[in-house]
C-alpha atoms as a PDB file:
ATOM      1  CA  MET A   1     -39.570-134.984-109.619  1.00  0.00           C
ATOM      2  CA  ARG A   2     -37.902-136.806-106.682  1.00  0.00           C
ATOM      3  CA  THR A   3     -40.138-138.313-103.882  1.00  0.00           C
ATOM      4  CA  PRO A   4     -39.064-138.001-100.199  1.00  0.00           C
ATOM      5  CA  HIS A   5     -36.663-140.496 -98.928  1.00  0.00           C
ATOM      6  CA  ALA A   6     -37.635-143.380 -96.936  1.00  0.00           C
ATOM      7  CA  GLY A   7     -36.722-141.761 -93.748  1.00  0.00           C
ATOM      8  CA  ALA A   8     -38.709-138.867 -94.357  1.00  0.00           C
ATOM      9  CA  GLU A   9     -41.834-140.992 -95.203  1.00  0.00           C
ATOM     10  CA  ALA A  10     -41.536-142.968 -92.221  1.00  0.00           C
ATOM     11  CA  THR A  11     -41.511-139.932 -89.870  1.00  0.00           C
ATOM     12  CA  ASN A  12     -44.915-139.125 -88.785  1.00  0.00           C
ATOM     13  CA  ALA A  13     -46.126-136.001 -87.139  1.00  0.00           C
ATOM     14  CA  ALA A  14     -45.863-137.428 -83.521  1.00  0.00           C
ATOM     15  CA  ASP A  15     -41.974-138.213 -84.196  1.00  0.00           C
ATOM     16  CA  ALA A  16     -41.255-134.835 -86.183  1.00  0.00           C
ATOM     17  CA  LEU A  17     -39.898-131.923 -84.834  1.00  0.00           C
ATOM     18  CA  ILE A  18     -40.923-130.080 -87.832  1.00  0.00           C
ATOM     19  CA  ASP A  19     -44.058-131.456 -89.971  1.00  0.00           C
ATOM     20  CA  ILE A  20     -45.533-129.567 -92.871  1.00  0.00           C
ATOM     21  CA  ARG A  21     -48.200-130.889 -95.359  1.00  0.00           C
ATOM     22  CA  GLY A  22     -49.245-129.187 -98.455  1.00  0.00           C
ATOM     23  CA  VAL A  23     -47.789-125.970 -97.610  1.00  0.00           C
ATOM     24  CA  THR A  24     -48.518-123.232-100.030  1.00  0.00           C
ATOM     25  CA  LYS A  25     -47.531-119.438-100.103  1.00  0.00           C
ATOM     26  CA  SER A  26     -48.719-116.595-101.961  1.00  0.00           C
ATOM     27  CA  TYR A  27     -48.301-113.037-101.945  1.00  0.00           C
ATOM     28  CA  PHE A  28     -50.831-110.532-102.930  1.00  0.00           C
ATOM     29  CA  SER A  29     -50.465-107.018-104.444  1.00  0.00           C
ATOM     30  CA  GLY A  30     -53.077-104.904-106.142  1.00  0.00           C
ATOM     31  CA  GLY A  31     -55.309-107.822-106.327  1.00  0.00           C
ATOM     32  CA  VAL A  32     -52.729-110.021-108.116  1.00  0.00           C
ATOM     33  CA  GLU A  33     -51.572-113.349-106.533  1.00  0.00           C
ATOM     34  CA  THR A  34     -48.017-114.390-106.785  1.00  0.00           C
ATOM     35  CA  ARG A  35     -47.744-118.055-105.883  1.00  0.00           C
ATOM     36  CA  VAL A  36     -44.186-118.919-104.436  1.00  0.00           C
ATOM     37  CA  LEU A  37     -44.650-122.416-102.850  1.00  0.00           C
ATOM     38  CA  PHE A  38     -46.731-125.396-104.268  1.00  0.00           C
ATOM     39  CA  GLY A  39     -47.778-128.018-101.770  1.00  0.00           C
ATOM     40  CA  ILE A  40     -44.669-128.627 -99.858  1.00  0.00           C
ATOM     41  CA  ASP A  41     -44.492-131.630 -97.825  1.00  0.00           C
ATOM     42  CA  LEU A  42     -41.722-132.409 -95.213  1.00  0.00           C
ATOM     43  CA  ALA A  43     -41.134-134.114 -92.116  1.00  0.00           C
ATOM     44  CA  VAL A  44     -37.873-133.424 -90.047  1.00  0.00           C
ATOM     45  CA  PRO A  45     -37.230-135.863 -87.078  1.00  0.00           C
ATOM     46  CA  ARG A  46     -35.398-134.574 -84.016  1.00  0.00           C
ATOM     47  CA  GLY A  47     -31.575-134.954 -84.607  1.00  0.00           C
ATOM     48  CA  ASP A  48     -31.751-134.464 -88.252  1.00  0.00           C
ATOM     49  CA  PHE A  49     -29.534-132.298 -90.218  1.00  0.00           C
ATOM     50  CA  LEU A  50     -31.192-130.916 -93.266  1.00  0.00           C
ATOM     51  CA  ALA A  51     -29.721-128.560 -96.016  1.00  0.00           C
ATOM     52  CA  VAL A  52     -32.236-126.809 -98.303  1.00  0.00           C
ATOM     53  CA  MET A  53     -30.822-125.675-101.580  1.00  0.00           C
ATOM     54  CA  GLY A  54     -32.324-123.776-104.658  1.00  0.00           C
ATOM     55  CA  GLN A  55     -31.609-120.876-106.879  1.00  0.00           C
ATOM     56  CA  SER A  56     -32.689-117.598-106.393  1.00  0.00           C
ATOM     57  CA  GLY A  57     -36.613-117.484-106.668  1.00  0.00           C
ATOM     58  CA  SER A  58     -36.824-121.102-105.816  1.00  0.00           C
ATOM     59  CA  GLY A  59     -38.616-120.536-102.426  1.00  0.00           C
ATOM     60  CA  LYS A  60     -35.915-121.397-100.108  1.00  0.00           C
ATOM     61  CA  SER A  61     -36.026-118.184 -98.197  1.00  0.00           C
ATOM     62  CA  THR A  62     -39.852-118.154 -98.084  1.00  0.00           C
ATOM     63  CA  LEU A  63     -39.887-121.596 -96.758  1.00  0.00           C
ATOM     64  CA  MET A  64     -37.285-120.719 -94.128  1.00  0.00           C
ATOM     65  CA  ASN A  65     -39.579-117.920 -92.912  1.00  0.00           C
ATOM     66  CA  ILE A  66     -42.348-120.281 -92.465  1.00  0.00           C
ATOM     67  CA  PHE A  67     -40.214-122.728 -90.630  1.00  0.00           C
ATOM     68  CA  GLY A  68     -38.889-119.874 -88.408  1.00  0.00           C
ATOM     69  CA  CYS A  69     -42.656-118.671 -87.600  1.00  0.00           C
ATOM     70  CA  LEU A  70     -41.473-115.452 -89.097  1.00  0.00           C
ATOM     71  CA  ASP A  71     -44.247-115.808 -91.655  1.00  0.00           C
ATOM     72  CA  GLN A  72     -47.099-117.994 -91.969  1.00  0.00           C
ATOM     73  CA  ALA A  73     -48.243-120.358 -94.887  1.00  0.00           C
ATOM     74  CA  THR A  74     -51.190-119.385 -97.212  1.00  0.00           C
ATOM     75  CA  GLY A  75     -52.356-122.979 -96.956  1.00  0.00           C
ATOM     76  CA  GLY A  76     -51.574-126.367 -95.722  1.00  0.00           C
ATOM     77  CA  SER A  77     -50.442-127.228 -92.149  1.00  0.00           C
ATOM     78  CA  TYR A  78     -47.243-126.681 -90.263  1.00  0.00           C
ATOM     79  CA  PHE A  79     -46.866-128.340 -86.923  1.00  0.00           C
ATOM     80  CA  LEU A  80     -43.675-127.273 -84.824  1.00  0.00           C
ATOM     81  CA  ASP A  81     -42.817-129.408 -81.899  1.00  0.00           C
ATOM     82  CA  GLY A  82     -46.440-130.827 -82.001  1.00  0.00           C
ATOM     83  CA  VAL A  83     -48.024-127.279 -82.131  1.00  0.00           C
ATOM     84  CA  ASP A  84     -50.135-126.204 -85.223  1.00  0.00           C
ATOM     85  CA  THR A  85     -48.599-122.795 -85.934  1.00  0.00           C
ATOM     86  CA  LEU A  86     -51.210-121.645 -88.356  1.00  0.00           C
ATOM     87  CA  THR A  87     -53.620-121.392 -85.401  1.00  0.00           C
ATOM     88  CA  LEU A  88     -51.350-119.054 -83.468  1.00  0.00           C
ATOM     89  CA  SER A  89     -51.444-115.274 -82.913  1.00  0.00           C
ATOM     90  CA  ARG A  90     -48.330-113.083 -83.481  1.00  0.00           C
ATOM     91  CA  ALA A  91     -47.618-113.336 -79.705  1.00  0.00           C
ATOM     92  CA  GLU A  92     -47.983-117.010 -79.413  1.00  0.00           C
ATOM     93  CA  LEU A  93     -45.638-117.405 -82.602  1.00  0.00           C
ATOM     94  CA  ALA A  94     -43.181-115.174 -80.880  1.00  0.00           C
ATOM     95  CA  THR A  95     -43.389-117.481 -77.726  1.00  0.00           C
ATOM     96  CA  ILE A  96     -42.831-120.624 -79.589  1.00  0.00           C
ATOM     97  CA  ARG A  97     -40.168-119.113 -81.802  1.00  0.00           C
ATOM     98  CA  ASN A  98     -38.123-118.021 -78.685  1.00  0.00           C
ATOM     99  CA  ARG A  99     -38.669-121.458 -76.885  1.00  0.00           C
ATOM    100  CA  THR A 100     -38.011-123.779 -79.777  1.00  0.00           C
ATOM    101  CA  ILE A 101     -35.713-122.027 -82.449  1.00  0.00           C
ATOM    102  CA  GLY A 102     -32.054-120.614 -82.492  1.00  0.00           C
ATOM    103  CA  PHE A 103     -31.589-118.558 -85.418  1.00  0.00           C
ATOM    104  CA  VAL A 104     -28.047-117.944 -87.125  1.00  0.00           C
ATOM    105  CA  PHE A 105     -27.968-115.534 -90.062  1.00  0.00           C
ATOM    106  CA  GLN A 106     -25.346-114.642 -92.768  1.00  0.00           C
ATOM    107  CA  SER A 107     -24.896-111.113 -91.519  1.00  0.00           C
ATOM    108  CA  PHE A 108     -24.680-112.271 -87.737  1.00  0.00           C
ATOM    109  CA  ASN A 109     -27.354-109.704 -86.588  1.00  0.00           C
ATOM    110  CA  LEU A 110     -25.233-108.720 -83.391  1.00  0.00           C
ATOM    111  CA  ILE A 111     -26.002-105.470 -81.735  1.00  0.00           C
ATOM    112  CA  LYS A 112     -22.867-103.355 -82.107  1.00  0.00           C
ATOM    113  CA  ARG A 113     -23.466-101.284 -78.928  1.00  0.00           C
ATOM    114  CA  MET A 114     -23.727-104.257 -76.691  1.00  0.00           C
ATOM    115  CA  SER A 115     -20.902-106.539 -75.486  1.00  0.00           C
ATOM    116  CA  VAL A 116     -20.622-110.215 -76.770  1.00  0.00           C
ATOM    117  CA  ALA A 117     -22.110-111.492 -73.515  1.00  0.00           C
ATOM    118  CA  GLU A 118     -24.987-109.014 -73.523  1.00  0.00           C
ATOM    119  CA  ASN A 119     -25.786-110.320 -77.228  1.00  0.00           C
ATOM    120  CA  VAL A 120     -25.615-113.857 -76.272  1.00  0.00           C
ATOM    121  CA  ALA A 121     -27.924-113.289 -73.272  1.00  0.00           C
ATOM    122  CA  LEU A 122     -30.576-111.406 -75.209  1.00  0.00           C
ATOM    123  CA  PRO A 123     -33.010-114.174 -75.993  1.00  0.00           C
ATOM    124  CA  LEU A 124     -33.105-115.127 -72.370  1.00  0.00           C
ATOM    125  CA  ILE A 125     -33.810-111.582 -71.426  1.00  0.00           C
ATOM    126  CA  TYR A 126     -36.691-111.292 -73.790  1.00  0.00           C
ATOM    127  CA  ALA A 127     -37.953-114.667 -72.301  1.00  0.00           C
ATOM    128  CA  GLY A 128     -38.129-112.863 -68.733  1.00  0.00           C
ATOM    129  CA  VAL A 129     -34.911-114.550 -67.329  1.00  0.00           C
ATOM    130  CA  SER A 130     -33.157-112.441 -64.837  1.00  0.00           C
ATOM    131  CA  ARG A 131     -30.068-110.492 -66.069  1.00  0.00           C
ATOM    132  CA  ALA A 132     -27.961-112.284 -63.617  1.00  0.00           C
ATOM    133  CA  ARG A 133     -28.872-115.685 -64.755  1.00  0.00           C
ATOM    134  CA  ALA A 134     -28.913-114.818 -68.378  1.00  0.00           C
ATOM    135  CA  HIS A 135     -25.414-113.656 -68.207  1.00  0.00           C
ATOM    136  CA  ALA A 136     -24.167-116.715 -66.482  1.00  0.00           C
ATOM    137  CA  LYS A 137     -25.891-118.782 -69.200  1.00  0.00           C
ATOM    138  CA  ALA A 138     -24.214-116.595 -71.966  1.00  0.00           C
ATOM    139  CA  LEU A 139     -20.858-117.229 -70.436  1.00  0.00           C
ATOM    140  CA  VAL A 140     -21.434-121.083 -70.475  1.00  0.00           C
ATOM    141  CA  GLU A 141     -22.374-120.932 -74.239  1.00  0.00           C
ATOM    142  CA  LEU A 142     -19.408-118.708 -75.158  1.00  0.00           C
ATOM    143  CA  GLU A 143     -17.041-121.018 -73.454  1.00  0.00           C
ATOM    144  CA  ARG A 144     -18.675-123.781 -75.444  1.00  0.00           C
ATOM    145  CA  VAL A 145     -17.618-121.874 -78.603  1.00  0.00           C
ATOM    146  CA  GLY A 146     -14.322-120.857 -77.433  1.00  0.00           C
ATOM    147  CA  LEU A 147     -14.939-117.222 -76.929  1.00  0.00           C
ATOM    148  CA  LYS A 148     -15.518-116.674 -73.227  1.00  0.00           C
ATOM    149  CA  GLU A 149     -12.388-114.463 -72.938  1.00  0.00           C
ATOM    150  CA  TYR A 150     -14.030-112.062 -75.488  1.00  0.00           C
ATOM    151  CA  ALA A 151     -17.323-111.725 -73.424  1.00  0.00           C
ATOM    152  CA  ARG A 152     -16.546-107.963 -72.631  1.00  0.00           C
ATOM    153  CA  ARG A 153     -15.657-107.116 -76.104  1.00  0.00           C
ATOM    154  CA  THR A 154     -18.036-105.751 -78.788  1.00  0.00           C
ATOM    155  CA  PRO A 155     -18.897-107.179 -82.003  1.00  0.00           C
ATOM    156  CA  ASN A 156     -16.582-104.921 -84.195  1.00  0.00           C
ATOM    157  CA  GLN A 157     -13.681-106.056 -82.062  1.00  0.00           C
ATOM    158  CA  LEU A 158     -14.156-109.579 -83.449  1.00  0.00           C
ATOM    159  CA  SER A 159     -13.275-111.270 -86.734  1.00  0.00           C
ATOM    160  CA  GLY A 160     -16.198-112.432 -88.933  1.00  0.00           C
ATOM    161  CA  GLY A 161     -15.733-116.104 -87.851  1.00  0.00           C
ATOM    162  CA  GLN A 162     -15.877-115.063 -84.353  1.00  0.00           C
ATOM    163  CA  GLN A 163     -18.958-113.022 -84.645  1.00  0.00           C
ATOM    164  CA  GLN A 164     -20.646-115.997 -86.118  1.00  0.00           C
ATOM    165  CA  ARG A 165     -19.537-118.202 -83.249  1.00  0.00           C
ATOM    166  CA  VAL A 166     -21.141-115.540 -81.089  1.00  0.00           C
ATOM    167  CA  ALA A 167     -24.364-115.789 -83.046  1.00  0.00           C
ATOM    168  CA  ILE A 168     -24.179-119.642 -82.512  1.00  0.00           C
ATOM    169  CA  ALA A 169     -23.922-119.113 -78.770  1.00  0.00           C
ATOM    170  CA  ARG A 170     -26.788-116.786 -78.951  1.00  0.00           C
ATOM    171  CA  ALA A 171     -28.883-119.281 -80.981  1.00  0.00           C
ATOM    172  CA  LEU A 172     -27.968-122.047 -78.288  1.00  0.00           C
ATOM    173  CA  VAL A 173     -28.514-119.954 -74.976  1.00  0.00           C
ATOM    174  CA  GLY A 174     -32.047-120.914 -74.662  1.00  0.00           C
ATOM    175  CA  ASP A 175     -31.343-124.583 -75.206  1.00  0.00           C
ATOM    176  CA  PRO A 176     -33.630-124.886 -78.201  1.00  0.00           C
ATOM    177  CA  PRO A 177     -34.172-128.239 -80.134  1.00  0.00           C
ATOM    178  CA  LEU A 178     -33.859-126.445 -83.539  1.00  0.00           C
ATOM    179  CA  ILE A 179     -31.333-124.238 -85.076  1.00  0.00           C
ATOM    180  CA  LEU A 180     -32.315-122.491 -88.270  1.00  0.00           C
ATOM    181  CA  ALA A 181     -29.210-121.294 -90.316  1.00  0.00           C
ATOM    182  CA  ASP A 182     -29.564-119.000 -93.177  1.00  0.00           C
ATOM    183  CA  GLU A 183     -26.556-118.858 -95.408  1.00  0.00           C
ATOM    184  CA  PRO A 184     -24.445-118.977 -92.129  1.00  0.00           C
ATOM    185  CA  THR A 185     -21.083-118.956 -94.039  1.00  0.00           C
ATOM    186  CA  GLY A 186     -21.956-116.488 -96.778  1.00  0.00           C
ATOM    187  CA  ASN A 187     -19.767-113.738 -95.472  1.00  0.00           C
ATOM    188  CA  LEU A 188     -16.821-116.078 -94.348  1.00  0.00           C
ATOM    189  CA  ASP A 189     -13.731-117.296 -95.948  1.00  0.00           C
ATOM    190  CA  THR A 190     -13.143-120.921 -96.870  1.00  0.00           C
ATOM    191  CA  GLN A 191     -11.293-122.056 -93.845  1.00  0.00           C
ATOM    192  CA  THR A 192     -13.562-120.073 -91.366  1.00  0.00           C
ATOM    193  CA  SER A 193     -16.659-121.725 -93.349  1.00  0.00           C
ATOM    194  CA  GLU A 194     -15.305-125.131 -92.782  1.00  0.00           C
ATOM    195  CA  GLU A 195     -14.727-124.348 -88.948  1.00  0.00           C
ATOM    196  CA  ILE A 196     -18.320-123.135 -88.515  1.00  0.00           C
ATOM    197  CA  MET A 197     -19.689-126.078 -90.420  1.00  0.00           C
ATOM    198  CA  ARG A 198     -17.680-128.482 -88.245  1.00  0.00           C
ATOM    199  CA  SER A 199     -19.218-126.647 -85.086  1.00  0.00           C
ATOM    200  CA  PHE A 200     -22.837-127.463 -86.620  1.00  0.00           C
ATOM    201  CA  GLN A 201     -21.864-130.978 -87.047  1.00  0.00           C
ATOM    202  CA  GLN A 202     -20.790-131.287 -83.601  1.00  0.00           C
ATOM    203  CA  LEU A 203     -24.013-129.626 -82.217  1.00  0.00           C
ATOM    204  CA  ASN A 204     -25.938-132.284 -84.021  1.00  0.00           C
ATOM    205  CA  GLN A 205     -23.840-135.184 -83.232  1.00  0.00           C
ATOM    206  CA  GLU A 206     -23.104-134.457 -79.643  1.00  0.00           C
ATOM    207  CA  ARG A 207     -26.020-132.586 -78.389  1.00  0.00           C
ATOM    208  CA  GLY A 208     -28.682-133.901 -80.626  1.00  0.00           C
ATOM    209  CA  ILE A 209     -29.745-130.395 -82.077  1.00  0.00           C
ATOM    210  CA  THR A 210     -31.762-130.550 -85.148  1.00  0.00           C
ATOM    211  CA  ILE A 211     -30.105-128.304 -87.765  1.00  0.00           C
ATOM    212  CA  LEU A 212     -31.988-126.746 -90.826  1.00  0.00           C
ATOM    213  CA  LEU A 213     -29.599-125.060 -93.063  1.00  0.00           C
ATOM    214  CA  VAL A 214     -30.220-122.704 -96.070  1.00  0.00           C
ATOM    215  CA  THR A 215     -27.158-122.673 -98.556  1.00  0.00           C
ATOM    216  CA  HIS A 216     -26.527-122.282-102.390  1.00  0.00           C
ATOM    217  CA  GLU A 217     -23.051-123.883-102.001  1.00  0.00           C
ATOM    218  CA  PRO A 218     -22.726-127.600-102.411  1.00  0.00           C
ATOM    219  CA  ASP A 219     -19.468-127.948-100.288  1.00  0.00           C
ATOM    220  CA  ILE A 220     -21.549-126.448 -97.251  1.00  0.00           C
ATOM    221  CA  ALA A 221     -24.525-128.714 -97.909  1.00  0.00           C
ATOM    222  CA  ALA A 222     -22.162-131.565 -97.958  1.00  0.00           C
ATOM    223  CA  TYR A 223     -21.916-131.278 -94.265  1.00  0.00           C
ATOM    224  CA  SER A 224     -25.583-132.124 -93.668  1.00  0.00           C
ATOM    225  CA  LYS A 225     -27.095-135.735 -93.520  1.00  0.00           C
ATOM    226  CA  ARG A 226     -30.089-134.737 -95.813  1.00  0.00           C
ATOM    227  CA  LEU A 227     -30.627-132.563 -98.718  1.00  0.00           C
ATOM    228  CA  MET A 228     -33.783-130.918-100.058  1.00  0.00           C
ATOM    229  CA  ARG A 229     -33.656-129.192-103.531  1.00  0.00           C
ATOM    230  CA  LEU A 230     -36.315-126.664-104.512  1.00  0.00           C
ATOM    231  CA  LYS A 231     -37.051-125.327-107.793  1.00  0.00           C
ATOM    232  CA  ASP A 232     -39.907-122.912-108.638  1.00  0.00           C
ATOM    233  CA  GLY A 233     -41.580-123.598-105.298  1.00  0.00           C
ATOM    234  CA  HIS A 234     -41.578-127.283-105.760  1.00  0.00           C
ATOM    235  CA  VAL A 235     -39.448-130.053-104.170  1.00  0.00           C
ATOM    236  CA  LEU A 236     -36.997-131.348-106.897  1.00  0.00           C
ATOM    237  CA  TYR A 237     -35.211-133.755-104.448  1.00  0.00           C
ATOM    238  CA  ASP A 238     -35.424-135.055-100.814  1.00  0.00           C
ATOM    239  CA  GLY A 239     -33.152-137.548 -99.636  1.00  0.00           C
ATOM    240  CA  PRO A 240     -29.452-138.259 -98.561  1.00  0.00           C
ATOM    241  CA  ALA A 241     -27.208-135.281 -99.061  1.00  0.00           C
ATOM    242  CA  ALA A 242     -24.357-137.315-100.608  1.00  0.00           C
ATOM    243  CA  GLU A 243     -26.595-138.646-103.110  1.00  0.00           C
ATOM    244  CA  GLY A 244     -28.254-135.431-103.902  1.00  0.00           C
ATOM    245  CA  LEU A 245     -25.301-133.471-104.327  1.00  0.00           C
ATOM    246  CA  ARG A 246     -23.835-136.131-106.679  1.00  0.00           C
ATOM    247  CA  GLU A 247     -26.945-136.232-108.817  1.00  0.00           C
ATOM    248  CA  MET A 248     -26.865-132.206-109.097  1.00  0.00           C
ATOM    249  CA  ALA A 249     -23.141-132.368-110.154  1.00  0.00           C
ATOM    250  CA  LEU A 250     -24.018-134.819-112.828  1.00  0.00           C
ATOM    251  CA  SER A 251     -26.898-132.850-113.907  1.00  0.00           C
ATOM    252  CA  GLN A 252     -24.744-129.767-114.275  1.00  0.00           C
ATOM    253  CA  GLU A 253     -21.851-131.775-115.906  1.00  0.00           C
ATOM    254  CA  ALA A 254     -24.333-133.113-118.594  1.00  0.00           C
ATOM    255  CA  ALA A 255     -25.706-129.523-119.288  1.00  0.00           C
ATOM    256  CA  LEU A 256     -22.190-128.188-119.813  1.00  0.00           C
ATOM    257  CA  ASN A 257     -21.642-130.924-122.234  1.00  0.00           C
ATOM    258  CA  LEU A 258     -24.659-130.054-124.429  1.00  0.00           C
ATOM    259  CA  PRO A 259     -23.810-129.243-128.131  1.00  0.00           C
ATOM    260  CA  PRO A 260     -24.165-125.905-129.093  1.00  0.00           C
ATOM    261  CA  ILE A 261     -27.451-124.678-130.637  1.00  0.00           C
ATOM    262  CA  SER A 262     -26.868-124.002-134.326  1.00  0.00           C
ATOM    263  CA  THR A 263     -27.573-120.554-135.514  1.00  0.00           C
ATOM    264  CA  ALA A 264     -27.048-121.106-138.979  1.00  0.00           C
ATOM    265  CA  ALA A 265     -29.852-120.397-141.471  1.00  0.00           C
ATOM    266  CA  PRO A 266     -31.800-123.331-142.575  1.00  0.00           C
END
């Protein structure tokens, strides 16, 4: 199992936007415990761009929900922007989530009956910002993603790529230091996926926003700086993205070249 790369080891709780130590997660049903995460350690410094990969059942979605304060770990610690999230109430989790995290989802999660501008302004409305100020800030973010002229349209009048850019604008409207993107290109064609990933790179490089991306696609993970691979709730790799993807490709190639198992009778 690969140990965290030097950059992760050198990042301490004071420097990290995300700092988790020994995080475990179990689900209980009918008195039966199902363990999903087994002692995950991860420090994400501000300005990092991390892709999390793993097959179905690896625990990546569970870990993403913990990162996003949508669920809480069973054990261990999770400090988000210096705050111990495992001590917070549901209301306090909602507050830190609104202040610190912008979410981008595979299915966009836009409200169809609302205009594009209203969708983008929604996080600010929830935070208690006046509608006038929220609308003005929404237009600023829509202009940044090249969609200001579509502000009065509804989501169903936009293409998939345009809807995802609206979702990115919505994620950014509250100026969060962190974006969590869960399979953000899963419903998009190849060209549009590349455009969306270049947008994430630009946000990371020019605005210093920390990006944490969940994907199962190596070509999408290649846009990141750092890669974490999960398997059966354990960290299989944590290090530079290019090196991790190269290791994964070599491992898959070796598996394909294994000699067939003989079924002949002895």
